[in-house]
Amino acid sequence: MWAGPQFAFETVPGATRGVVFITLVQNASKGHNRFAMKRIVLALVCALLVPVAAYSQTGIKRSMVTPPPNGADSSNIVSGVITDLSAETITVKTNAPNPMSFAIRKGVQYVDSNGRKVKKQRIGPGSRVRVYYYGNEDTRTASRIVLEG
């Protein structure tokens, strides 16, 4: 019965001192060399696949919402204090004599002053906000609500 490969250390004559080759010495039977070679090839293939698999893994990418542009298109930005908030509308008291109302659609972004997303529950009456909107006086729709302070 074959007990598996055995390793013997032999020095090669004429080689520089300290050079040692590991040779695979087959035990008594000749038919098992093929099995040992298959195991060696399989081990080499696995050793080559590990770095490839590790390199191909994607890391977790944290994404931040980009902060609103400073001063660009300032005609569609309103700052003030929320006086009324429902599922469909938000009313903001500004420096103007009358408060402004905006429709709230499903895709509106709620962010803090650093551009990080916040939950809608953090915004309520009395909160100081900056509202980015589109549309005219009759169809004002909020696209982004920034919680200030």
N, C-alpha and C. Protein backbone atom coordinates (compact mmCIF):
# COMPACT_ATOMS: atom_id res chain seq x y z
N MET A 1 0.84 -1.18 0.00
CA MET A 1 0.00 0.00 0.00
C MET A 1 0.88 1.24 0.00
N TRP A 2 0.43 2.24 -0.75
CA TRP A 2 1.20 3.47 -0.90
C TRP A 2 0.91 4.40 0.27
N ALA A 3 1.92 4.92 0.93
CA ALA A 3 1.75 5.73 2.13
C ALA A 3 1.73 7.22 1.82
N GLY A 4 1.80 7.60 0.55
CA GLY A 4 1.84 9.01 0.18
C GLY A 4 3.24 9.43 -0.16
N PRO A 5 3.39 10.63 -0.69
CA PRO A 5 4.73 11.05 -1.10
C PRO A 5 5.62 11.30 0.10
N GLN A 6 6.86 10.99 -0.08
CA GLN A 6 7.86 11.26 0.95
C GLN A 6 8.84 12.27 0.38
N PHE A 7 9.34 13.14 1.21
CA PHE A 7 10.25 14.17 0.75
C PHE A 7 11.66 13.85 1.20
N ALA A 8 12.58 13.99 0.28
CA ALA A 8 13.98 13.79 0.60
C ALA A 8 14.73 15.03 0.14
N PHE A 9 15.69 15.48 0.90
CA PHE A 9 16.48 16.65 0.56
C PHE A 9 17.80 16.18 -0.04
N GLU A 10 18.08 16.63 -1.23
CA GLU A 10 19.33 16.26 -1.88
C GLU A 10 20.01 17.53 -2.35
N THR A 11 21.30 17.58 -2.21
CA THR A 11 22.05 18.71 -2.75
C THR A 11 22.56 18.32 -4.12
N VAL A 12 22.62 19.28 -4.99
CA VAL A 12 23.08 19.02 -6.35
C VAL A 12 24.58 19.28 -6.40
N PRO A 13 25.34 18.31 -6.89
CA PRO A 13 26.79 18.51 -6.97
C PRO A 13 27.12 19.68 -7.90
N GLY A 14 28.04 20.53 -7.51
CA GLY A 14 28.46 21.65 -8.32
C GLY A 14 27.64 22.90 -8.07
N ALA A 15 26.55 22.79 -7.33
CA ALA A 15 25.72 23.96 -7.06
C ALA A 15 26.34 24.74 -5.91
N THR A 16 25.99 25.98 -5.81
CA THR A 16 26.53 26.79 -4.72
C THR A 16 26.04 26.24 -3.40
N ARG A 17 26.79 26.53 -2.38
CA ARG A 17 26.50 25.99 -1.06
C ARG A 17 25.14 26.49 -0.58
N GLY A 18 24.35 25.64 -0.02
CA GLY A 18 23.06 26.00 0.53
C GLY A 18 21.90 25.79 -0.43
N VAL A 19 22.18 25.43 -1.68
CA VAL A 19 21.08 25.20 -2.62
C VAL A 19 20.57 23.78 -2.38
N VAL A 20 19.31 23.69 -2.07
CA VAL A 20 18.72 22.39 -1.76
C VAL A 20 17.49 22.22 -2.63
N PHE A 21 17.39 21.09 -3.26
CA PHE A 21 16.21 20.78 -4.05
C PHE A 21 15.40 19.73 -3.32
N ILE A 22 14.12 19.96 -3.32
CA ILE A 22 13.22 18.98 -2.71
C ILE A 22 12.73 18.09 -3.83
N THR A 23 12.99 16.85 -3.72
CA THR A 23 12.54 15.93 -4.76
C THR A 23 11.47 15.03 -4.19
N LEU A 24 10.54 14.77 -5.03
CA LEU A 24 9.43 13.91 -4.65
C LEU A 24 9.84 12.46 -4.91
N VAL A 25 9.89 11.68 -3.87
CA VAL A 25 10.32 10.29 -4.00
C VAL A 25 9.09 9.41 -3.86
N GLN A 26 8.90 8.60 -4.87
CA GLN A 26 7.75 7.71 -4.86
C GLN A 26 8.05 6.49 -4.00
N ASN A 27 7.03 6.09 -3.24
CA ASN A 27 7.21 4.91 -2.40
C ASN A 27 7.25 3.68 -3.29
N ALA A 28 7.02 2.55 -2.96
CA ALA A 28 7.28 1.31 -3.69
C ALA A 28 6.56 1.19 -5.02
N SER A 29 5.30 1.58 -5.16
CA SER A 29 4.59 1.28 -6.40
C SER A 29 4.68 2.43 -7.39
N LYS A 30 4.66 2.14 -8.69
CA LYS A 30 4.86 3.13 -9.73
C LYS A 30 3.56 3.79 -10.17
N GLY A 31 2.42 3.27 -9.93
CA GLY A 31 1.15 3.80 -10.42
C GLY A 31 0.64 5.01 -9.64
N HIS A 32 1.21 5.32 -8.51
CA HIS A 32 0.70 6.41 -7.69
C HIS A 32 1.32 7.76 -8.01
N ASN A 33 2.30 7.80 -8.88
CA ASN A 33 2.91 9.07 -9.25
C ASN A 33 1.90 9.98 -9.93
N ARG A 34 0.99 9.40 -10.70
CA ARG A 34 -0.04 10.16 -11.39
C ARG A 34 -0.98 10.83 -10.39
N PHE A 35 -1.35 10.12 -9.35
CA PHE A 35 -2.23 10.68 -8.31
C PHE A 35 -1.54 11.84 -7.59
N ALA A 36 -0.27 11.69 -7.28
CA ALA A 36 0.48 12.74 -6.61
C ALA A 36 0.60 13.97 -7.52
N MET A 37 0.80 13.75 -8.81
CA MET A 37 0.91 14.86 -9.74
C MET A 37 -0.42 15.62 -9.84
N LYS A 38 -1.53 14.90 -9.84
CA LYS A 38 -2.84 15.55 -9.88
C LYS A 38 -3.06 16.41 -8.63
N ARG A 39 -2.65 15.93 -7.48
CA ARG A 39 -2.79 16.70 -6.25
C ARG A 39 -1.93 17.95 -6.29
N ILE A 40 -0.73 17.84 -6.82
CA ILE A 40 0.17 18.99 -6.90
C ILE A 40 -0.40 20.03 -7.86
N VAL A 41 -0.89 19.60 -9.00
CA VAL A 41 -1.48 20.53 -9.97
C VAL A 41 -2.72 21.19 -9.38
N LEU A 42 -3.55 20.43 -8.72
CA LEU A 42 -4.75 20.99 -8.09
C LEU A 42 -4.37 22.02 -7.02
N ALA A 43 -3.36 21.73 -6.23
CA ALA A 43 -2.91 22.69 -5.21
C ALA A 43 -2.38 23.96 -5.85
N LEU A 44 -1.65 23.86 -6.95
CA LEU A 44 -1.13 25.05 -7.64
C LEU A 44 -2.26 25.88 -8.25
N VAL A 45 -3.25 25.21 -8.84
CA VAL A 45 -4.39 25.93 -9.40
C VAL A 45 -5.14 26.67 -8.31
N CYS A 46 -5.38 26.02 -7.19
CA CYS A 46 -6.06 26.68 -6.07
C CYS A 46 -5.25 27.86 -5.55
N ALA A 47 -3.93 27.69 -5.46
CA ALA A 47 -3.08 28.77 -4.97
C ALA A 47 -3.10 29.96 -5.93
N LEU A 48 -3.26 29.73 -7.21
CA LEU A 48 -3.33 30.82 -8.18
C LEU A 48 -4.71 31.49 -8.21
N LEU A 49 -5.76 30.75 -7.89
CA LEU A 49 -7.11 31.31 -7.91
C LEU A 49 -7.43 32.17 -6.70
N VAL A 50 -6.80 31.91 -5.57
CA VAL A 50 -7.09 32.68 -4.35
C VAL A 50 -6.79 34.17 -4.54
N PRO A 51 -5.62 34.58 -5.05
CA PRO A 51 -5.40 36.01 -5.24
C PRO A 51 -6.35 36.63 -6.28
N VAL A 52 -6.69 35.87 -7.32
CA VAL A 52 -7.61 36.38 -8.33
C VAL A 52 -8.99 36.62 -7.71
N ALA A 53 -9.46 35.70 -6.90
CA ALA A 53 -10.77 35.85 -6.26
C ALA A 53 -10.75 37.00 -5.26
N ALA A 54 -9.68 37.16 -4.55
CA ALA A 54 -9.58 38.25 -3.58
C ALA A 54 -9.53 39.60 -4.28
N TYR A 55 -8.85 39.67 -5.41
CA TYR A 55 -8.74 40.93 -6.14
C TYR A 55 -10.08 41.32 -6.76
N SER A 56 -10.89 40.35 -7.16
CA SER A 56 -12.12 40.65 -7.86
C SER A 56 -13.26 41.05 -6.93
N GLN A 57 -13.10 40.91 -5.62
CA GLN A 57 -14.16 41.30 -4.70
C GLN A 57 -14.29 42.80 -4.68
N THR A 58 -15.55 43.23 -4.65
CA THR A 58 -15.80 44.67 -4.59
C THR A 58 -15.98 45.08 -3.14
N GLY A 59 -15.48 46.24 -2.80
CA GLY A 59 -15.63 46.76 -1.45
C GLY A 59 -16.95 47.50 -1.30
N ILE A 60 -17.30 47.80 -0.09
CA ILE A 60 -18.51 48.56 0.18
C ILE A 60 -18.23 50.01 -0.12
N LYS A 61 -19.05 50.59 -0.93
CA LYS A 61 -18.88 51.99 -1.28
C LYS A 61 -19.96 52.80 -0.59
N ARG A 62 -19.53 53.70 0.23
CA ARG A 62 -20.47 54.59 0.89
C ARG A 62 -20.66 55.82 0.02
N SER A 63 -21.89 56.13 -0.24
CA SER A 63 -22.14 57.29 -1.09
C SER A 63 -22.86 58.36 -0.29
N MET A 64 -22.45 59.56 -0.54
CA MET A 64 -23.10 60.69 0.11
C MET A 64 -23.87 61.46 -0.94
N VAL A 65 -24.95 62.04 -0.52
CA VAL A 65 -25.70 62.90 -1.41
C VAL A 65 -24.89 64.18 -1.56
N THR A 66 -24.72 64.62 -2.78
CA THR A 66 -23.93 65.83 -2.99
C THR A 66 -24.67 67.03 -2.41
N PRO A 67 -23.95 67.91 -1.75
CA PRO A 67 -24.60 69.08 -1.19
C PRO A 67 -25.15 69.97 -2.30
N PRO A 68 -26.15 70.74 -1.99
CA PRO A 68 -26.74 71.59 -3.01
C PRO A 68 -25.74 72.63 -3.48
N PRO A 69 -25.89 73.08 -4.71
CA PRO A 69 -24.97 74.07 -5.22
C PRO A 69 -25.12 75.39 -4.49
N ASN A 70 -24.00 76.08 -4.31
CA ASN A 70 -24.03 77.35 -3.59
C ASN A 70 -24.28 78.49 -4.57
N GLY A 71 -25.42 79.12 -4.46
CA GLY A 71 -25.74 80.29 -5.25
C GLY A 71 -26.17 80.01 -6.68
N ALA A 72 -26.02 78.81 -7.16
CA ALA A 72 -26.43 78.52 -8.53
C ALA A 72 -27.93 78.36 -8.57
N ASP A 73 -28.57 79.08 -9.44
CA ASP A 73 -30.02 79.02 -9.60
C ASP A 73 -30.73 79.34 -8.29
N SER A 74 -30.32 80.42 -7.62
CA SER A 74 -30.86 80.76 -6.31
C SER A 74 -32.31 81.22 -6.37
N SER A 75 -32.86 81.39 -7.56
CA SER A 75 -34.26 81.79 -7.65
C SER A 75 -35.19 80.66 -7.24
N ASN A 76 -34.71 79.43 -7.23
CA ASN A 76 -35.54 78.29 -6.86
C ASN A 76 -35.14 77.71 -5.50
N ILE A 77 -34.64 78.56 -4.61
CA ILE A 77 -34.26 78.15 -3.27
C ILE A 77 -34.95 79.07 -2.28
N VAL A 78 -35.55 78.46 -1.25
CA VAL A 78 -36.22 79.24 -0.21
C VAL A 78 -35.74 78.74 1.14
N SER A 79 -35.38 79.67 2.03
CA SER A 79 -35.00 79.31 3.39
C SER A 79 -36.03 79.85 4.35
N GLY A 80 -36.27 79.09 5.41
CA GLY A 80 -37.23 79.55 6.40
C GLY A 80 -37.52 78.47 7.43
N VAL A 81 -38.62 78.69 8.16
CA VAL A 81 -39.04 77.77 9.22
C VAL A 81 -40.33 77.10 8.79
N ILE A 82 -40.39 75.79 9.01
CA ILE A 82 -41.59 75.03 8.63
C ILE A 82 -42.73 75.40 9.58
N THR A 83 -43.87 75.78 8.98
CA THR A 83 -45.06 76.05 9.79
C THR A 83 -46.05 74.91 9.71
N ASP A 84 -46.07 74.19 8.59
CA ASP A 84 -47.00 73.08 8.43
C ASP A 84 -46.35 72.02 7.55
N LEU A 85 -46.54 70.76 7.91
CA LEU A 85 -45.96 69.66 7.14
C LEU A 85 -46.96 68.52 7.10
N SER A 86 -47.30 68.08 5.90
CA SER A 86 -48.17 66.92 5.73
C SER A 86 -47.49 65.98 4.75
N ALA A 87 -48.15 64.88 4.42
CA ALA A 87 -47.57 63.91 3.50
C ALA A 87 -47.44 64.47 2.08
N GLU A 88 -48.32 65.42 1.72
CA GLU A 88 -48.32 65.97 0.36
C GLU A 88 -47.74 67.36 0.24
N THR A 89 -47.72 68.16 1.32
CA THR A 89 -47.26 69.55 1.22
C THR A 89 -46.38 69.94 2.40
N ILE A 90 -45.58 70.98 2.15
CA ILE A 90 -44.78 71.59 3.20
C ILE A 90 -44.98 73.10 3.06
N THR A 91 -45.19 73.78 4.18
CA THR A 91 -45.36 75.22 4.19
C THR A 91 -44.21 75.83 4.99
N VAL A 92 -43.53 76.81 4.37
CA VAL A 92 -42.35 77.42 4.97
C VAL A 92 -42.59 78.92 5.13
N LYS A 93 -42.34 79.42 6.34
CA LYS A 93 -42.43 80.86 6.62
C LYS A 93 -41.06 81.46 6.32
N THR A 94 -41.05 82.40 5.35
CA THR A 94 -39.80 83.05 4.94
C THR A 94 -39.84 84.51 5.36
N ASN A 95 -38.90 85.30 4.86
CA ASN A 95 -38.90 86.74 5.11
C ASN A 95 -40.03 87.44 4.38
N ALA A 96 -40.60 86.79 3.39
CA ALA A 96 -41.72 87.36 2.64
C ALA A 96 -42.96 87.43 3.55
N PRO A 97 -43.90 88.31 3.22
CA PRO A 97 -45.08 88.45 4.08
C PRO A 97 -45.93 87.18 4.16
N ASN A 98 -46.02 86.43 3.07
CA ASN A 98 -46.86 85.22 3.07
C ASN A 98 -45.98 83.97 3.06
N PRO A 99 -46.39 82.93 3.80
CA PRO A 99 -45.64 81.67 3.75
C PRO A 99 -45.77 81.03 2.37
N MET A 100 -44.79 80.19 2.02
CA MET A 100 -44.80 79.51 0.72
C MET A 100 -45.09 78.03 0.93
N SER A 101 -45.94 77.48 0.06
CA SER A 101 -46.28 76.05 0.12
C SER A 101 -45.68 75.33 -1.08
N PHE A 102 -45.26 74.08 -0.83
CA PHE A 102 -44.65 73.27 -1.87
C PHE A 102 -45.28 71.89 -1.83
N ALA A 103 -45.47 71.31 -3.01
CA ALA A 103 -45.91 69.92 -3.09
C ALA A 103 -44.71 69.02 -2.81
N ILE A 104 -44.97 67.90 -2.17
CA ILE A 104 -43.91 66.92 -1.88
C ILE A 104 -44.22 65.66 -2.67
N ARG A 105 -43.31 65.29 -3.54
CA ARG A 105 -43.44 64.07 -4.33
C ARG A 105 -42.66 62.95 -3.65
N LYS A 106 -42.79 61.75 -4.22
CA LYS A 106 -42.15 60.58 -3.63
C LYS A 106 -40.63 60.66 -3.67
N GLY A 107 -40.04 61.28 -4.70
CA GLY A 107 -38.59 61.29 -4.87
C GLY A 107 -37.87 62.44 -4.19
N VAL A 108 -38.52 63.19 -3.31
CA VAL A 108 -37.86 64.32 -2.67
C VAL A 108 -36.74 63.81 -1.76
N GLN A 109 -35.62 64.56 -1.73
CA GLN A 109 -34.47 64.18 -0.91
C GLN A 109 -34.49 64.99 0.38
N TYR A 110 -34.35 64.33 1.50
CA TYR A 110 -34.22 64.97 2.80
C TYR A 110 -32.77 64.82 3.24
N VAL A 111 -32.04 65.94 3.37
CA VAL A 111 -30.63 65.88 3.72
C VAL A 111 -30.33 66.92 4.80
N ASP A 112 -29.17 66.74 5.47
CA ASP A 112 -28.73 67.76 6.43
C ASP A 112 -27.82 68.74 5.70
N SER A 113 -27.29 69.69 6.43
CA SER A 113 -26.48 70.74 5.80
C SER A 113 -25.16 70.21 5.24
N ASN A 114 -24.73 69.01 5.63
CA ASN A 114 -23.52 68.39 5.10
C ASN A 114 -23.81 67.53 3.87
N GLY A 115 -25.08 67.38 3.51
CA GLY A 115 -25.44 66.59 2.34
C GLY A 115 -25.77 65.15 2.65
N ARG A 116 -25.76 64.75 3.92
CA ARG A 116 -26.09 63.36 4.29
C ARG A 116 -27.60 63.20 4.40
N LYS A 117 -28.08 62.05 3.96
CA LYS A 117 -29.51 61.78 4.01
C LYS A 117 -30.00 61.76 5.46
N VAL A 118 -31.20 62.29 5.67
CA VAL A 118 -31.85 62.22 6.99
C VAL A 118 -33.25 61.67 6.78
N LYS A 119 -33.83 61.15 7.84
CA LYS A 119 -35.19 60.63 7.76
C LYS A 119 -36.18 61.78 7.80
N LYS A 120 -37.30 61.57 7.14
CA LYS A 120 -38.34 62.59 7.08
C LYS A 120 -38.86 62.93 8.47
N GLN A 121 -38.81 62.00 9.40
CA GLN A 121 -39.32 62.21 10.75
C GLN A 121 -38.52 63.27 11.51
N ARG A 122 -37.27 63.53 11.10
CA ARG A 122 -36.45 64.55 11.78
C ARG A 122 -36.88 65.96 11.42
N ILE A 123 -37.65 66.09 10.34
CA ILE A 123 -38.10 67.40 9.88
C ILE A 123 -39.56 67.58 10.27
N GLY A 124 -39.85 68.69 10.94
CA GLY A 124 -41.22 68.94 11.37
C GLY A 124 -41.44 70.43 11.58
N PRO A 125 -42.64 70.81 12.02
CA PRO A 125 -42.92 72.22 12.29
C PRO A 125 -41.91 72.80 13.28
N GLY A 126 -41.40 74.00 12.95
CA GLY A 126 -40.39 74.65 13.78
C GLY A 126 -38.97 74.39 13.32
N SER A 127 -38.77 73.44 12.40
CA SER A 127 -37.43 73.14 11.88
C SER A 127 -37.03 74.19 10.86
N ARG A 128 -35.77 74.61 10.93
CA ARG A 128 -35.24 75.55 9.95
C ARG A 128 -34.76 74.76 8.75
N VAL A 129 -35.27 75.09 7.55
CA VAL A 129 -34.96 74.34 6.35
C VAL A 129 -34.64 75.26 5.18
N ARG A 130 -34.02 74.66 4.18
CA ARG A 130 -33.82 75.31 2.88
C ARG A 130 -34.47 74.38 1.87
N VAL A 131 -35.41 74.91 1.07
CA VAL A 131 -36.16 74.09 0.13
C VAL A 131 -35.73 74.43 -1.29
N TYR A 132 -35.29 73.40 -2.03
CA TYR A 132 -34.98 73.53 -3.44
C TYR A 132 -36.22 73.05 -4.18
N TYR A 133 -36.71 73.84 -5.11
CA TYR A 133 -37.96 73.49 -5.77
C TYR A 133 -37.89 73.82 -7.25
N TYR A 134 -38.90 73.32 -7.97
CA TYR A 134 -39.07 73.65 -9.38
C TYR A 134 -40.54 73.99 -9.59
N GLY A 135 -40.81 74.68 -10.68
CA GLY A 135 -42.18 75.07 -10.99
C GLY A 135 -42.42 76.53 -10.65
N ASN A 136 -43.60 77.01 -11.02
CA ASN A 136 -43.94 78.41 -10.75
C ASN A 136 -44.81 78.50 -9.50
N GLU A 137 -45.43 79.64 -9.30
CA GLU A 137 -46.19 79.89 -8.07
C GLU A 137 -47.33 78.89 -7.86
N ASP A 138 -47.94 78.44 -8.94
CA ASP A 138 -49.07 77.51 -8.82
C ASP A 138 -48.62 76.05 -8.69
N THR A 139 -47.46 75.74 -9.22
CA THR A 139 -47.04 74.33 -9.26
C THR A 139 -45.70 74.12 -8.57
N ARG A 140 -45.42 74.82 -7.49
CA ARG A 140 -44.14 74.64 -6.79
C ARG A 140 -44.06 73.23 -6.21
N THR A 141 -42.97 72.53 -6.56
CA THR A 141 -42.74 71.17 -6.08
C THR A 141 -41.33 71.09 -5.51
N ALA A 142 -41.22 70.62 -4.28
CA ALA A 142 -39.92 70.50 -3.62
C ALA A 142 -39.15 69.33 -4.23
N SER A 143 -37.87 69.57 -4.53
CA SER A 143 -37.01 68.49 -5.03
C SER A 143 -36.01 68.05 -3.97
N ARG A 144 -35.64 68.98 -3.08
CA ARG A 144 -34.71 68.67 -2.00
C ARG A 144 -35.02 69.57 -0.81
N ILE A 145 -35.03 68.98 0.36
CA ILE A 145 -35.25 69.74 1.60
C ILE A 145 -34.03 69.54 2.48
N VAL A 146 -33.35 70.64 2.78
CA VAL A 146 -32.11 70.59 3.56
C VAL A 146 -32.42 71.08 4.98
N LEU A 147 -32.16 70.23 5.95
CA LEU A 147 -32.33 70.58 7.35
C LEU A 147 -31.13 71.39 7.80
N GLU A 148 -31.34 72.61 8.21
CA GLU A 148 -30.24 73.49 8.63
C GLU A 148 -30.14 73.49 10.16
N GLY A 149 -28.91 73.51 10.61
CA GLY A 149 -28.66 73.63 12.05
C GLY A 149 -29.07 72.48 12.81
